[in-house]
Amino acid sequence: MLTLAYPWLLLLLPLPWIVHRMVPPRIERRPAVRVPFFATLVALTGAAPQGGAAVARRGIWQTAVLILCWCLSVGALARPQWIEPPLHRDRPARDLLLLVDLSGSMETRDFTDATGAAVDRLTAVKQVLDDFLSRRDGDRVGVVVFGNAPFTLVPFTADLGLCRRLVQEMQVGMAGPRTVFGDAIGLGITLFERSTVPAKTIIALTDGNDTASRVPPAEAARVAKDKAITIHTVAIGDPTAVGEDALDEKALRDVADATGGGFFRALDRNQLAEVYRRLDAIETRKVDTVSVRPRTDLFWVPLAALTILSMAAQTLGLLPRLRRGSPAGRADGHPAAAPGVRP
C-alpha cells in the first residue's frame, strides 16, 4: 500500500499560485542605446518600437515544466512509502530465574541417574534441569547459584544452549559451603529490575536451611511479591537431616505461599523430575505477538523524475540558441547576411 509519511506537506502545492497572485510581476529593464539613425534601423529590421519596461512572460510549456517540477519536489518532501503486508513475530513474555543451591550437602550421593547408578544430588539436579531447559523455548532464562553468597551464573538470556552448557559446569562448593537462600532471592529481585516482561518467575532449589543470609527468606519473599515475582520452591534431600543440612520446609513453603507460587518436595530423582514436569505445566510458554509492517521509502522516485525533467527542459531550451548561432545559407562557413543588409 502506498502512503505518505508527511501528507500535510501537500498543503504547499498551491504556494506558487498564491505567490503569483499576491506578488507583483517581475519587470525586466533592458539598457538602450540612443542612435541618430533609429528610424533607419526600424525600417531595415521591421521591428515595432516599444516604450517603457517590458514584462517577462514565460511560454506555456515552460510554465507546465515549472509546475510539474514543483509538484515533484513537494511529493519527495512528503516522503512516499510503500507499506508491506504485516509480519508477525513472537517475543518472550516471561523471565524465568533458577536459584540453585551449591552448598556442600549437594554432593551427598542419595540420588540415582537415568540408568539407576548412584549419583550426588547436584548431578541429578543438572540432568533434570537440562531436560527442563530444553523445553523453555520462548522464555528468557537466568541462573543464580548460592552458597556463602549468591552469584549470577547466567544473566537473563534467550540463548538456552549457553544456559544449559553453563548449568552442566556447576560444581559443588563453587559458591561456598553454606546456604544463603534469602540473599539469593534478593539477588534475583535485583536482576528483575531491568526486566520489562509482564511475567516474572523464580524457581528455587535447595537441600538445606538458611543459616547465613543477611536478608531472611520471608522478608525477601515479601519484597518479591511487591515486585510481582512468583517464587516456586523445591526441597530436595533427606527431610530427617539435622544441623545445617536440615531442610526447613516451613520456610520454603512460606516463601512460595507469600508470592503465589508452589512448594514441592523431591526425595529422589524421579520425584525431582516429576516436580519439573509439573512446573513445566504450570509455567507454560508465554509470548507476546508483535506485528511489524515493513516500510520502503520511495522519495527517490520523484527526485529522479525531477532531475530528468529539469535536465531535459534545460537541453530543449538551449537548442534554439544553438540553431541561431550555427552557420546557415553559406557554403564558405560565414554567417548569412540579414535580409535587406548589404554585406
C-alpha atoms as a PDB file:
ATOM      1  CA  MET A   1       0.000   0.000   0.000  1.00  0.00           C
ATOM      2  CA  LEU A   2       1.312   3.423  -0.981  1.00  0.00           C
ATOM      3  CA  THR A   3       1.217   6.110   1.710  1.00  0.00           C
ATOM      4  CA  LEU A   4       2.887   9.391   2.664  1.00  0.00           C
ATOM      5  CA  ALA A   5       4.904   9.904   5.833  1.00  0.00           C
ATOM      6  CA  TYR A   6       4.176  13.669   5.859  1.00  0.00           C
ATOM      7  CA  PRO A   7       0.924  14.170   3.945  1.00  0.00           C
ATOM      8  CA  TRP A   8       0.421  17.639   5.443  1.00  0.00           C
ATOM      9  CA  LEU A   9       3.243  18.910   3.201  1.00  0.00           C
ATOM     10  CA  LEU A  10       0.861  18.605   0.250  1.00  0.00           C
ATOM     11  CA  LEU A  11      -0.646  21.872   1.501  1.00  0.00           C
ATOM     12  CA  LEU A  12       2.398  23.542  -0.096  1.00  0.00           C
ATOM     13  CA  LEU A  13       1.237  22.648  -3.611  1.00  0.00           C
ATOM     14  CA  PRO A  14      -0.775  25.902  -4.220  1.00  0.00           C
ATOM     15  CA  LEU A  15       2.036  28.066  -2.779  1.00  0.00           C
ATOM     16  CA  PRO A  16       3.451  29.182  -6.203  1.00  0.00           C
ATOM     17  CA  TRP A  17      -0.041  30.168  -7.397  1.00  0.00           C
ATOM     18  CA  ILE A  18      -0.580  32.206  -4.209  1.00  0.00           C
ATOM     19  CA  VAL A  19       2.764  33.938  -4.697  1.00  0.00           C
ATOM     20  CA  HIS A  20       1.880  34.613  -8.338  1.00  0.00           C
ATOM     21  CA  ARG A  21      -1.402  36.228  -7.335  1.00  0.00           C
ATOM     22  CA  MET A  22      -0.086  38.212  -4.384  1.00  0.00           C
ATOM     23  CA  VAL A  23       3.355  39.360  -5.580  1.00  0.00           C
ATOM     24  CA  PRO A  24       3.650  41.880  -8.465  1.00  0.00           C
ATOM     25  CA  PRO A  25       5.212  40.523 -11.680  1.00  0.00           C
ATOM     26  CA  ARG A  26       8.924  40.926 -12.210  1.00  0.00           C
ATOM     27  CA  ILE A  27       9.718  43.780 -14.559  1.00  0.00           C
ATOM     28  CA  GLU A  28      12.781  43.302 -16.715  1.00  0.00           C
ATOM     29  CA  ARG A  29      14.544  46.507 -17.686  1.00  0.00           C
ATOM     30  CA  ARG A  30      16.949  46.388 -20.593  1.00  0.00           C
ATOM     31  CA  PRO A  31      19.598  49.054 -21.352  1.00  0.00           C
ATOM     32  CA  ALA A  32      19.027  51.086 -24.552  1.00  0.00           C
ATOM     33  CA  VAL A  33      21.397  52.894 -26.889  1.00  0.00           C
ATOM     34  CA  ARG A  34      20.364  56.217 -28.428  1.00  0.00           C
ATOM     35  CA  VAL A  35      21.321  56.469 -32.137  1.00  0.00           C
ATOM     36  CA  PRO A  36      20.547  59.252 -34.668  1.00  0.00           C
ATOM     37  CA  PHE A  37      19.576  56.695 -37.315  1.00  0.00           C
ATOM     38  CA  PHE A  38      16.902  54.906 -35.239  1.00  0.00           C
ATOM     39  CA  ALA A  39      14.239  55.300 -37.931  1.00  0.00           C
ATOM     40  CA  THR A  40      16.516  53.644 -40.493  1.00  0.00           C
ATOM     41  CA  LEU A  41      17.103  50.647 -38.136  1.00  0.00           C
ATOM     42  CA  VAL A  42      13.384  50.256 -37.634  1.00  0.00           C
ATOM     43  CA  ALA A  43      12.788  50.272 -41.345  1.00  0.00           C
ATOM     44  CA  LEU A  44      15.548  47.724 -42.004  1.00  0.00           C
ATOM     45  CA  THR A  45      14.607  45.273 -39.219  1.00  0.00           C
ATOM     46  CA  GLY A  46      10.831  45.661 -39.428  1.00  0.00           C
ATOM     47  CA  ALA A  47      10.579  45.574 -35.615  1.00  0.00           C
ATOM     48  CA  ALA A  48       7.995  47.728 -33.940  1.00  0.00           C
ATOM     49  CA  PRO A  49       9.489  50.025 -31.286  1.00  0.00           C
ATOM     50  CA  GLN A  50       8.153  49.603 -27.719  1.00  0.00           C
ATOM     51  CA  GLY A  51       8.429  52.143 -24.997  1.00  0.00           C
ATOM     52  CA  GLY A  52       8.771  51.621 -21.230  1.00  0.00           C
ATOM     53  CA  ALA A  53       9.738  48.497 -19.357  1.00  0.00           C
ATOM     54  CA  ALA A  54       8.967  45.006 -20.666  1.00  0.00           C
ATOM     55  CA  VAL A  55       7.278  42.365 -18.501  1.00  0.00           C
ATOM     56  CA  ALA A  56       8.984  38.960 -18.742  1.00  0.00           C
ATOM     57  CA  ARG A  57       6.485  36.239 -19.566  1.00  0.00           C
ATOM     58  CA  ARG A  58       7.035  32.506 -19.897  1.00  0.00           C
ATOM     59  CA  GLY A  59       5.669  30.207 -22.528  1.00  0.00           C
ATOM     60  CA  ILE A  60       3.040  27.573 -21.838  1.00  0.00           C
ATOM     61  CA  TRP A  61       5.479  24.678 -21.890  1.00  0.00           C
ATOM     62  CA  GLN A  62       7.889  26.478 -19.536  1.00  0.00           C
ATOM     63  CA  THR A  63       5.064  27.103 -17.085  1.00  0.00           C
ATOM     64  CA  ALA A  64       3.949  23.461 -17.293  1.00  0.00           C
ATOM     65  CA  VAL A  65       7.511  22.250 -16.627  1.00  0.00           C
ATOM     66  CA  LEU A  66       7.861  24.525 -13.583  1.00  0.00           C
ATOM     67  CA  ILE A  67       4.509  23.376 -12.176  1.00  0.00           C
ATOM     68  CA  LEU A  68       5.456  19.734 -12.640  1.00  0.00           C
ATOM     69  CA  CYS A  69       8.884  20.264 -11.032  1.00  0.00           C
ATOM     70  CA  TRP A  70       7.231  21.925  -8.020  1.00  0.00           C
ATOM     71  CA  CYS A  71       4.780  19.047  -7.647  1.00  0.00           C
ATOM     72  CA  LEU A  72       7.611  16.521  -7.778  1.00  0.00           C
ATOM     73  CA  SER A  73       9.592  18.466  -5.160  1.00  0.00           C
ATOM     74  CA  VAL A  74       6.641  18.591  -2.767  1.00  0.00           C
ATOM     75  CA  GLY A  75       5.945  14.915  -3.435  1.00  0.00           C
ATOM     76  CA  ALA A  76       9.520  13.999  -2.455  1.00  0.00           C
ATOM     77  CA  LEU A  77       9.272  16.103   0.720  1.00  0.00           C
ATOM     78  CA  ALA A  78       6.040  14.302   1.657  1.00  0.00           C
ATOM     79  CA  ARG A  79       8.146  11.085   1.694  1.00  0.00           C
ATOM     80  CA  PRO A  80       6.106   8.470  -0.151  1.00  0.00           C
ATOM     81  CA  GLN A  81       6.413   4.966   1.317  1.00  0.00           C
ATOM     82  CA  TRP A  82       5.335   1.503   0.301  1.00  0.00           C
ATOM     83  CA  ILE A  83       3.945  -0.464   3.267  1.00  0.00           C
ATOM     84  CA  GLU A  84       4.427  -4.229   3.070  1.00  0.00           C
ATOM     85  CA  PRO A  85       1.935  -6.765   4.466  1.00  0.00           C
ATOM     86  CA  PRO A  86       2.223  -7.182   8.260  1.00  0.00           C
ATOM     87  CA  LEU A  87       4.793  -9.612   9.670  1.00  0.00           C
ATOM     88  CA  HIS A  88       4.018 -11.325  12.974  1.00  0.00           C
ATOM     89  CA  ARG A  89       6.816 -12.081  15.421  1.00  0.00           C
ATOM     90  CA  ASP A  90       6.742 -13.708  18.849  1.00  0.00           C
ATOM     91  CA  ARG A  91       8.891 -12.373  21.648  1.00  0.00           C
ATOM     92  CA  PRO A  92       9.370 -13.717  25.203  1.00  0.00           C
ATOM     93  CA  ALA A  93       6.742 -12.556  27.666  1.00  0.00           C
ATOM     94  CA  ARG A  94       8.334 -14.093  30.763  1.00  0.00           C
ATOM     95  CA  ASP A  95      11.705 -14.083  32.510  1.00  0.00           C
ATOM     96  CA  LEU A  96      12.488 -17.309  34.376  1.00  0.00           C
ATOM     97  CA  LEU A  97      15.218 -17.341  37.031  1.00  0.00           C
ATOM     98  CA  LEU A  98      16.652 -20.539  38.528  1.00  0.00           C
ATOM     99  CA  LEU A  99      18.172 -20.428  42.021  1.00  0.00           C
ATOM    100  CA  VAL A 100      20.425 -23.450  42.572  1.00  0.00           C
ATOM    101  CA  ASP A 101      21.938 -24.378  45.930  1.00  0.00           C
ATOM    102  CA  LEU A 102      25.631 -25.391  45.600  1.00  0.00           C
ATOM    103  CA  SER A 103      26.356 -25.895  49.305  1.00  0.00           C
ATOM    104  CA  GLY A 104      28.459 -28.827  50.466  1.00  0.00           C
ATOM    105  CA  SER A 105      25.447 -31.053  51.163  1.00  0.00           C
ATOM    106  CA  MET A 106      24.681 -31.168  47.418  1.00  0.00           C
ATOM    107  CA  GLU A 107      27.439 -33.773  46.965  1.00  0.00           C
ATOM    108  CA  THR A 108      25.550 -36.313  49.057  1.00  0.00           C
ATOM    109  CA  ARG A 109      25.111 -39.449  46.917  1.00  0.00           C
ATOM    110  CA  ASP A 110      21.493 -40.337  47.669  1.00  0.00           C
ATOM    111  CA  PHE A 111      20.069 -39.883  44.137  1.00  0.00           C
ATOM    112  CA  THR A 112      20.220 -42.075  41.047  1.00  0.00           C
ATOM    113  CA  ASP A 113      20.631 -41.165  37.403  1.00  0.00           C
ATOM    114  CA  ALA A 114      18.561 -42.372  34.444  1.00  0.00           C
ATOM    115  CA  THR A 115      20.491 -45.680  34.384  1.00  0.00           C
ATOM    116  CA  GLY A 116      19.925 -46.353  38.090  1.00  0.00           C
ATOM    117  CA  ALA A 117      23.519 -45.609  39.168  1.00  0.00           C
ATOM    118  CA  ALA A 118      24.047 -43.704  42.426  1.00  0.00           C
ATOM    119  CA  VAL A 119      24.944 -40.042  41.882  1.00  0.00           C
ATOM    120  CA  ASP A 120      25.173 -36.950  44.052  1.00  0.00           C
ATOM    121  CA  ARG A 121      22.290 -34.524  44.333  1.00  0.00           C
ATOM    122  CA  LEU A 122      23.832 -31.883  42.076  1.00  0.00           C
ATOM    123  CA  THR A 123      24.371 -34.373  39.254  1.00  0.00           C
ATOM    124  CA  ALA A 124      20.733 -35.410  39.393  1.00  0.00           C
ATOM    125  CA  VAL A 125      19.661 -31.758  39.521  1.00  0.00           C
ATOM    126  CA  LYS A 126      21.750 -30.913  36.435  1.00  0.00           C
ATOM    127  CA  GLN A 127      20.241 -33.810  34.488  1.00  0.00           C
ATOM    128  CA  VAL A 128      16.695 -32.773  35.341  1.00  0.00           C
ATOM    129  CA  LEU A 129      17.412 -29.070  34.744  1.00  0.00           C
ATOM    130  CA  ASP A 130      18.850 -29.829  31.311  1.00  0.00           C
ATOM    131  CA  ASP A 131      15.628 -31.577  30.297  1.00  0.00           C
ATOM    132  CA  PHE A 132      13.565 -28.733  31.793  1.00  0.00           C
ATOM    133  CA  LEU A 133      15.551 -26.028  29.960  1.00  0.00           C
ATOM    134  CA  SER A 134      15.260 -27.870  26.663  1.00  0.00           C
ATOM    135  CA  ARG A 135      11.518 -27.110  26.743  1.00  0.00           C
ATOM    136  CA  ARG A 136      11.814 -23.421  27.661  1.00  0.00           C
ATOM    137  CA  ASP A 137      11.911 -22.158  24.084  1.00  0.00           C
ATOM    138  CA  GLY A 138      10.374 -18.691  24.057  1.00  0.00           C
ATOM    139  CA  ASP A 139      11.484 -17.724  27.583  1.00  0.00           C
ATOM    140  CA  ARG A 140      14.454 -15.741  28.778  1.00  0.00           C
ATOM    141  CA  VAL A 141      16.246 -17.783  31.430  1.00  0.00           C
ATOM    142  CA  GLY A 142      18.779 -16.782  34.072  1.00  0.00           C
ATOM    143  CA  VAL A 143      20.653 -18.835  36.683  1.00  0.00           C
ATOM    144  CA  VAL A 144      21.820 -17.777  40.161  1.00  0.00           C
ATOM    145  CA  VAL A 145      23.934 -20.116  42.297  1.00  0.00           C
ATOM    146  CA  PHE A 146      24.371 -19.631  46.010  1.00  0.00           C
ATOM    147  CA  GLY A 147      26.439 -20.939  48.880  1.00  0.00           C
ATOM    148  CA  ASN A 148      28.201 -18.500  51.216  1.00  0.00           C
ATOM    149  CA  ALA A 149      26.957 -15.777  48.846  1.00  0.00           C
ATOM    150  CA  PRO A 150      24.785 -15.649  45.746  1.00  0.00           C
ATOM    151  CA  PHE A 151      26.360 -15.224  42.302  1.00  0.00           C
ATOM    152  CA  THR A 152      24.863 -14.709  38.855  1.00  0.00           C
ATOM    153  CA  LEU A 153      25.924 -17.674  36.747  1.00  0.00           C
ATOM    154  CA  VAL A 154      23.825 -16.753  33.697  1.00  0.00           C
ATOM    155  CA  PRO A 155      22.108 -13.368  33.267  1.00  0.00           C
ATOM    156  CA  PHE A 156      18.756 -13.376  31.524  1.00  0.00           C
ATOM    157  CA  THR A 157      19.202 -14.700  28.008  1.00  0.00           C
ATOM    158  CA  ALA A 158      17.207 -16.353  25.249  1.00  0.00           C
ATOM    159  CA  ASP A 159      20.258 -18.448  24.339  1.00  0.00           C
ATOM    160  CA  LEU A 160      19.145 -21.662  26.024  1.00  0.00           C
ATOM    161  CA  GLY A 161      22.093 -23.593  24.596  1.00  0.00           C
ATOM    162  CA  LEU A 162      24.509 -21.355  26.505  1.00  0.00           C
ATOM    163  CA  CYS A 163      22.385 -21.619  29.629  1.00  0.00           C
ATOM    164  CA  ARG A 164      22.311 -25.434  29.510  1.00  0.00           C
ATOM    165  CA  ARG A 165      26.064 -25.599  28.935  1.00  0.00           C
ATOM    166  CA  LEU A 166      26.867 -23.399  31.942  1.00  0.00           C
ATOM    167  CA  VAL A 167      24.444 -25.339  34.151  1.00  0.00           C
ATOM    168  CA  GLN A 168      26.371 -28.534  33.349  1.00  0.00           C
ATOM    169  CA  GLU A 169      29.581 -26.827  34.503  1.00  0.00           C
ATOM    170  CA  MET A 170      28.270 -26.098  38.023  1.00  0.00           C
ATOM    171  CA  GLN A 171      30.299 -27.692  40.837  1.00  0.00           C
ATOM    172  CA  VAL A 172      29.501 -28.279  44.498  1.00  0.00           C
ATOM    173  CA  GLY A 173      31.120 -25.671  46.723  1.00  0.00           C
ATOM    174  CA  MET A 174      31.976 -23.214  43.935  1.00  0.00           C
ATOM    175  CA  ALA A 175      29.935 -20.580  45.814  1.00  0.00           C
ATOM    176  CA  GLY A 176      30.926 -21.733  49.320  1.00  0.00           C
ATOM    177  CA  PRO A 177      29.743 -24.468  51.688  1.00  0.00           C
ATOM    178  CA  ARG A 178      26.935 -22.584  53.440  1.00  0.00           C
ATOM    179  CA  THR A 179      23.364 -21.650  52.360  1.00  0.00           C
ATOM    180  CA  VAL A 180      22.178 -18.064  51.900  1.00  0.00           C
ATOM    181  CA  PHE A 181      18.730 -18.642  50.454  1.00  0.00           C
ATOM    182  CA  GLY A 182      17.338 -15.227  51.426  1.00  0.00           C
ATOM    183  CA  ASP A 183      20.251 -13.352  49.828  1.00  0.00           C
ATOM    184  CA  ALA A 184      19.821 -15.439  46.668  1.00  0.00           C
ATOM    185  CA  ILE A 185      16.190 -14.277  46.423  1.00  0.00           C
ATOM    186  CA  GLY A 186      17.384 -10.705  46.944  1.00  0.00           C
ATOM    187  CA  LEU A 187      19.874 -11.008  44.070  1.00  0.00           C
ATOM    188  CA  GLY A 188      17.113 -12.452  41.895  1.00  0.00           C
ATOM    189  CA  ILE A 189      14.892  -9.472  42.650  1.00  0.00           C
ATOM    190  CA  THR A 190      17.741  -7.165  41.616  1.00  0.00           C
ATOM    191  CA  LEU A 191      18.141  -8.993  38.311  1.00  0.00           C
ATOM    192  CA  PHE A 192      14.439  -8.490  37.596  1.00  0.00           C
ATOM    193  CA  GLU A 193      14.702  -4.697  37.986  1.00  0.00           C
ATOM    194  CA  ARG A 194      15.670  -4.276  34.317  1.00  0.00           C
ATOM    195  CA  SER A 195      13.061  -6.743  33.119  1.00  0.00           C
ATOM    196  CA  THR A 196      10.155  -5.316  31.128  1.00  0.00           C
ATOM    197  CA  VAL A 197       8.184  -8.536  30.562  1.00  0.00           C
ATOM    198  CA  PRO A 198       4.835  -8.975  32.341  1.00  0.00           C
ATOM    199  CA  ALA A 199       5.547 -12.427  33.857  1.00  0.00           C
ATOM    200  CA  LYS A 200       8.454 -12.959  36.278  1.00  0.00           C
ATOM    201  CA  THR A 201       9.142 -16.333  37.888  1.00  0.00           C
ATOM    202  CA  ILE A 202      11.782 -17.749  40.231  1.00  0.00           C
ATOM    203  CA  ILE A 203      12.317 -21.489  40.740  1.00  0.00           C
ATOM    204  CA  ALA A 204      14.465 -22.042  43.838  1.00  0.00           C
ATOM    205  CA  LEU A 205      16.096 -25.398  44.588  1.00  0.00           C
ATOM    206  CA  THR A 206      17.825 -26.079  47.924  1.00  0.00           C
ATOM    207  CA  ASP A 207      18.604 -29.000  50.230  1.00  0.00           C
ATOM    208  CA  GLY A 208      19.405 -27.069  53.410  1.00  0.00           C
ATOM    209  CA  ASN A 209      18.112 -24.344  55.657  1.00  0.00           C
ATOM    210  CA  ASP A 210      19.144 -20.710  55.544  1.00  0.00           C
ATOM    211  CA  THR A 211      21.987 -20.117  58.014  1.00  0.00           C
ATOM    212  CA  ALA A 212      23.911 -17.057  56.782  1.00  0.00           C
ATOM    213  CA  SER A 213      21.611 -14.704  54.885  1.00  0.00           C
ATOM    214  CA  ARG A 214      21.607 -11.018  55.725  1.00  0.00           C
ATOM    215  CA  VAL A 215      18.004 -10.882  54.432  1.00  0.00           C
ATOM    216  CA  PRO A 216      15.639 -13.519  55.877  1.00  0.00           C
ATOM    217  CA  PRO A 217      13.827 -15.554  53.200  1.00  0.00           C
ATOM    218  CA  ALA A 218      10.394 -14.445  54.451  1.00  0.00           C
ATOM    219  CA  GLU A 219      11.320 -10.757  54.125  1.00  0.00           C
ATOM    220  CA  ALA A 220      12.837 -11.314  50.670  1.00  0.00           C
ATOM    221  CA  ALA A 221       9.604 -13.085  49.664  1.00  0.00           C
ATOM    222  CA  ARG A 222       7.524 -10.066  50.684  1.00  0.00           C
ATOM    223  CA  VAL A 223       9.683  -7.818  48.519  1.00  0.00           C
ATOM    224  CA  ALA A 224       9.328 -10.268  45.624  1.00  0.00           C
ATOM    225  CA  LYS A 225       5.547 -10.188  45.996  1.00  0.00           C
ATOM    226  CA  ASP A 226       5.581  -6.381  45.804  1.00  0.00           C
ATOM    227  CA  LYS A 227       7.588  -6.695  42.552  1.00  0.00           C
ATOM    228  CA  ALA A 228       5.018  -9.164  41.101  1.00  0.00           C
ATOM    229  CA  ILE A 229       7.552 -12.029  41.162  1.00  0.00           C
ATOM    230  CA  THR A 230       6.290 -15.585  41.680  1.00  0.00           C
ATOM    231  CA  ILE A 231       8.604 -17.996  43.547  1.00  0.00           C
ATOM    232  CA  HIS A 232       8.308 -21.789  43.343  1.00  0.00           C
ATOM    233  CA  THR A 233      10.441 -23.658  45.902  1.00  0.00           C
ATOM    234  CA  VAL A 234      11.785 -27.186  45.516  1.00  0.00           C
ATOM    235  CA  ALA A 235      13.158 -29.029  48.568  1.00  0.00           C
ATOM    236  CA  ILE A 236      15.442 -31.963  47.868  1.00  0.00           C
ATOM    237  CA  GLY A 237      17.312 -34.374  50.059  1.00  0.00           C
ATOM    238  CA  ASP A 238      16.635 -36.015  53.418  1.00  0.00           C
ATOM    239  CA  PRO A 239      13.922 -34.275  55.480  1.00  0.00           C
ATOM    240  CA  THR A 240      15.191 -36.034  58.628  1.00  0.00           C
ATOM    241  CA  ALA A 241      18.664 -34.451  58.414  1.00  0.00           C
ATOM    242  CA  VAL A 242      19.814 -32.218  61.251  1.00  0.00           C
ATOM    243  CA  GLY A 243      22.146 -29.241  61.557  1.00  0.00           C
ATOM    244  CA  GLU A 244      22.902 -27.085  58.547  1.00  0.00           C
ATOM    245  CA  ASP A 245      21.860 -29.926  56.247  1.00  0.00           C
ATOM    246  CA  ALA A 246      18.356 -29.962  57.749  1.00  0.00           C
ATOM    247  CA  LEU A 247      15.528 -28.975  55.458  1.00  0.00           C
ATOM    248  CA  ASP A 248      13.484 -26.013  56.653  1.00  0.00           C
ATOM    249  CA  GLU A 249      10.373 -26.991  54.728  1.00  0.00           C
ATOM    250  CA  LYS A 250       8.251 -24.474  56.594  1.00  0.00           C
ATOM    251  CA  ALA A 251      10.426 -21.566  55.408  1.00  0.00           C
ATOM    252  CA  LEU A 252      10.321 -22.827  51.819  1.00  0.00           C
ATOM    253  CA  ARG A 253       6.562 -23.254  51.969  1.00  0.00           C
ATOM    254  CA  ASP A 254       6.114 -19.761  53.439  1.00  0.00           C
ATOM    255  CA  VAL A 255       8.198 -18.220  50.649  1.00  0.00           C
ATOM    256  CA  ALA A 256       6.120 -19.970  47.989  1.00  0.00           C
ATOM    257  CA  ASP A 257       2.793 -19.105  49.636  1.00  0.00           C
ATOM    258  CA  ALA A 258       3.762 -15.439  50.087  1.00  0.00           C
ATOM    259  CA  THR A 259       4.359 -14.990  46.350  1.00  0.00           C
ATOM    260  CA  GLY A 260       1.598 -17.211  44.988  1.00  0.00           C
ATOM    261  CA  GLY A 261       3.988 -19.994  43.975  1.00  0.00           C
ATOM    262  CA  GLY A 262       4.088 -23.685  44.801  1.00  0.00           C
ATOM    263  CA  PHE A 263       6.125 -25.769  47.240  1.00  0.00           C
ATOM    264  CA  PHE A 264       7.449 -29.146  46.039  1.00  0.00           C
ATOM    265  CA  ARG A 265       9.371 -31.930  47.749  1.00  0.00           C
ATOM    266  CA  ALA A 266      11.765 -34.226  45.867  1.00  0.00           C
ATOM    267  CA  LEU A 267      13.299 -37.110  47.786  1.00  0.00           C
ATOM    268  CA  ASP A 268      14.814 -38.827  44.743  1.00  0.00           C
ATOM    269  CA  ARG A 269      15.485 -38.226  41.054  1.00  0.00           C
ATOM    270  CA  ASN A 270      12.073 -39.480  39.927  1.00  0.00           C
ATOM    271  CA  GLN A 271      10.283 -37.098  42.268  1.00  0.00           C
ATOM    272  CA  LEU A 272      12.576 -34.271  41.162  1.00  0.00           C
ATOM    273  CA  ALA A 273      11.786 -34.969  37.502  1.00  0.00           C
ATOM    274  CA  GLU A 274       8.078 -35.052  38.333  1.00  0.00           C
ATOM    275  CA  VAL A 275       8.403 -31.677  40.093  1.00  0.00           C
ATOM    276  CA  TYR A 276       9.881 -30.074  36.984  1.00  0.00           C
ATOM    277  CA  ARG A 277       7.240 -31.683  34.786  1.00  0.00           C
ATOM    278  CA  ARG A 278       4.593 -30.087  36.967  1.00  0.00           C
ATOM    279  CA  LEU A 279       6.433 -26.768  36.866  1.00  0.00           C
ATOM    280  CA  ASP A 280       6.624 -27.070  33.098  1.00  0.00           C
ATOM    281  CA  ALA A 281       2.833 -27.452  33.005  1.00  0.00           C
ATOM    282  CA  ILE A 282       2.305 -24.535  35.408  1.00  0.00           C
ATOM    283  CA  GLU A 283       4.834 -22.199  33.777  1.00  0.00           C
ATOM    284  CA  THR A 284       3.674 -22.651  30.199  1.00  0.00           C
ATOM    285  CA  ARG A 285       5.343 -20.737  27.394  1.00  0.00           C
ATOM    286  CA  LYS A 286       4.202 -17.120  27.312  1.00  0.00           C
ATOM    287  CA  VAL A 287       4.826 -14.864  24.336  1.00  0.00           C
ATOM    288  CA  ASP A 288       3.715 -11.510  23.020  1.00  0.00           C
ATOM    289  CA  THR A 289       2.844 -11.325  19.333  1.00  0.00           C
ATOM    290  CA  VAL A 290       4.251  -8.232  17.690  1.00  0.00           C
ATOM    291  CA  SER A 291       3.037  -7.102  14.265  1.00  0.00           C
ATOM    292  CA  VAL A 292       5.507  -5.217  12.119  1.00  0.00           C
ATOM    293  CA  ARG A 293       4.750  -3.686   8.713  1.00  0.00           C
ATOM    294  CA  PRO A 294       7.995  -3.033   6.791  1.00  0.00           C
ATOM    295  CA  ARG A 295       8.186   0.342   5.054  1.00  0.00           C
ATOM    296  CA  THR A 296      10.174   1.108   1.914  1.00  0.00           C
ATOM    297  CA  ASP A 297      10.956   4.769   1.214  1.00  0.00           C
ATOM    298  CA  LEU A 298      10.181   5.896  -2.348  1.00  0.00           C
ATOM    299  CA  PHE A 299      11.138   9.584  -2.121  1.00  0.00           C
ATOM    300  CA  TRP A 300      13.905   8.936  -4.633  1.00  0.00           C
ATOM    301  CA  VAL A 301      11.329   8.305  -7.401  1.00  0.00           C
ATOM    302  CA  PRO A 302      10.001  11.896  -7.599  1.00  0.00           C
ATOM    303  CA  LEU A 303      13.532  13.209  -7.083  1.00  0.00           C
ATOM    304  CA  ALA A 304      14.797  11.160 -10.024  1.00  0.00           C
ATOM    305  CA  ALA A 305      11.875  12.309 -12.193  1.00  0.00           C
ATOM    306  CA  LEU A 306      12.553  15.927 -11.153  1.00  0.00           C
ATOM    307  CA  THR A 307      16.220  15.647 -12.118  1.00  0.00           C
ATOM    308  CA  ILE A 308      15.463  14.107 -15.510  1.00  0.00           C
ATOM    309  CA  LEU A 309      12.695  16.609 -16.275  1.00  0.00           C
ATOM    310  CA  SER A 310      14.787  19.659 -15.357  1.00  0.00           C
ATOM    311  CA  MET A 311      17.778  18.437 -17.393  1.00  0.00           C
ATOM    312  CA  ALA A 312      15.543  17.746 -20.392  1.00  0.00           C
ATOM    313  CA  ALA A 313      13.940  21.196 -20.136  1.00  0.00           C
ATOM    314  CA  GLN A 314      17.327  22.888 -19.981  1.00  0.00           C
ATOM    315  CA  THR A 315      18.525  20.921 -23.000  1.00  0.00           C
ATOM    316  CA  LEU A 316      15.447  21.815 -25.059  1.00  0.00           C
ATOM    317  CA  GLY A 317      15.843  25.450 -24.049  1.00  0.00           C
ATOM    318  CA  LEU A 318      19.400  25.546 -25.404  1.00  0.00           C
ATOM    319  CA  LEU A 319      18.553  24.083 -28.821  1.00  0.00           C
ATOM    320  CA  PRO A 320      17.044  27.296 -30.330  1.00  0.00           C
ATOM    321  CA  ARG A 321      20.112  29.258 -29.261  1.00  0.00           C
ATOM    322  CA  LEU A 322      22.390  26.704 -30.882  1.00  0.00           C
ATOM    323  CA  ARG A 323      20.392  26.845 -34.092  1.00  0.00           C
ATOM    324  CA  ARG A 324      20.576  30.667 -34.208  1.00  0.00           C
ATOM    325  CA  GLY A 325      24.304  30.607 -33.714  1.00  0.00           C
ATOM    326  CA  SER A 326      25.037  27.822 -36.269  1.00  0.00           C
ATOM    327  CA  PRO A 327      26.207  28.593 -39.896  1.00  0.00           C
ATOM    328  CA  ALA A 328      23.323  28.652 -42.385  1.00  0.00           C
ATOM    329  CA  GLY A 329      22.852  29.708 -46.005  1.00  0.00           C
ATOM    330  CA  ARG A 330      26.581  29.980 -46.916  1.00  0.00           C
ATOM    331  CA  ALA A 331      28.851  27.347 -48.278  1.00  0.00           C
ATOM    332  CA  ASP A 332      32.039  29.091 -47.117  1.00  0.00           C
ATOM    333  CA  GLY A 333      31.037  28.825 -43.466  1.00  0.00           C
ATOM    334  CA  HIS A 334      30.360  32.533 -42.905  1.00  0.00           C
ATOM    335  CA  PRO A 335      27.023  33.535 -41.420  1.00  0.00           C
ATOM    336  CA  ALA A 336      24.396  34.679 -43.841  1.00  0.00           C
ATOM    337  CA  ALA A 337      23.576  38.368 -44.002  1.00  0.00           C
ATOM    338  CA  ALA A 338      20.326  39.659 -42.605  1.00  0.00           C
ATOM    339  CA  PRO A 339      17.621  40.454 -45.122  1.00  0.00           C
ATOM    340  CA  GLY A 340      17.905  43.977 -46.543  1.00  0.00           C
ATOM    341  CA  VAL A 341      21.506  44.487 -45.304  1.00  0.00           C
ATOM    342  CA  ARG A 342      24.401  44.514 -47.689  1.00  0.00           C
ATOM    343  CA  PRO A 343      27.496  42.629 -46.563  1.00  0.00           C
END
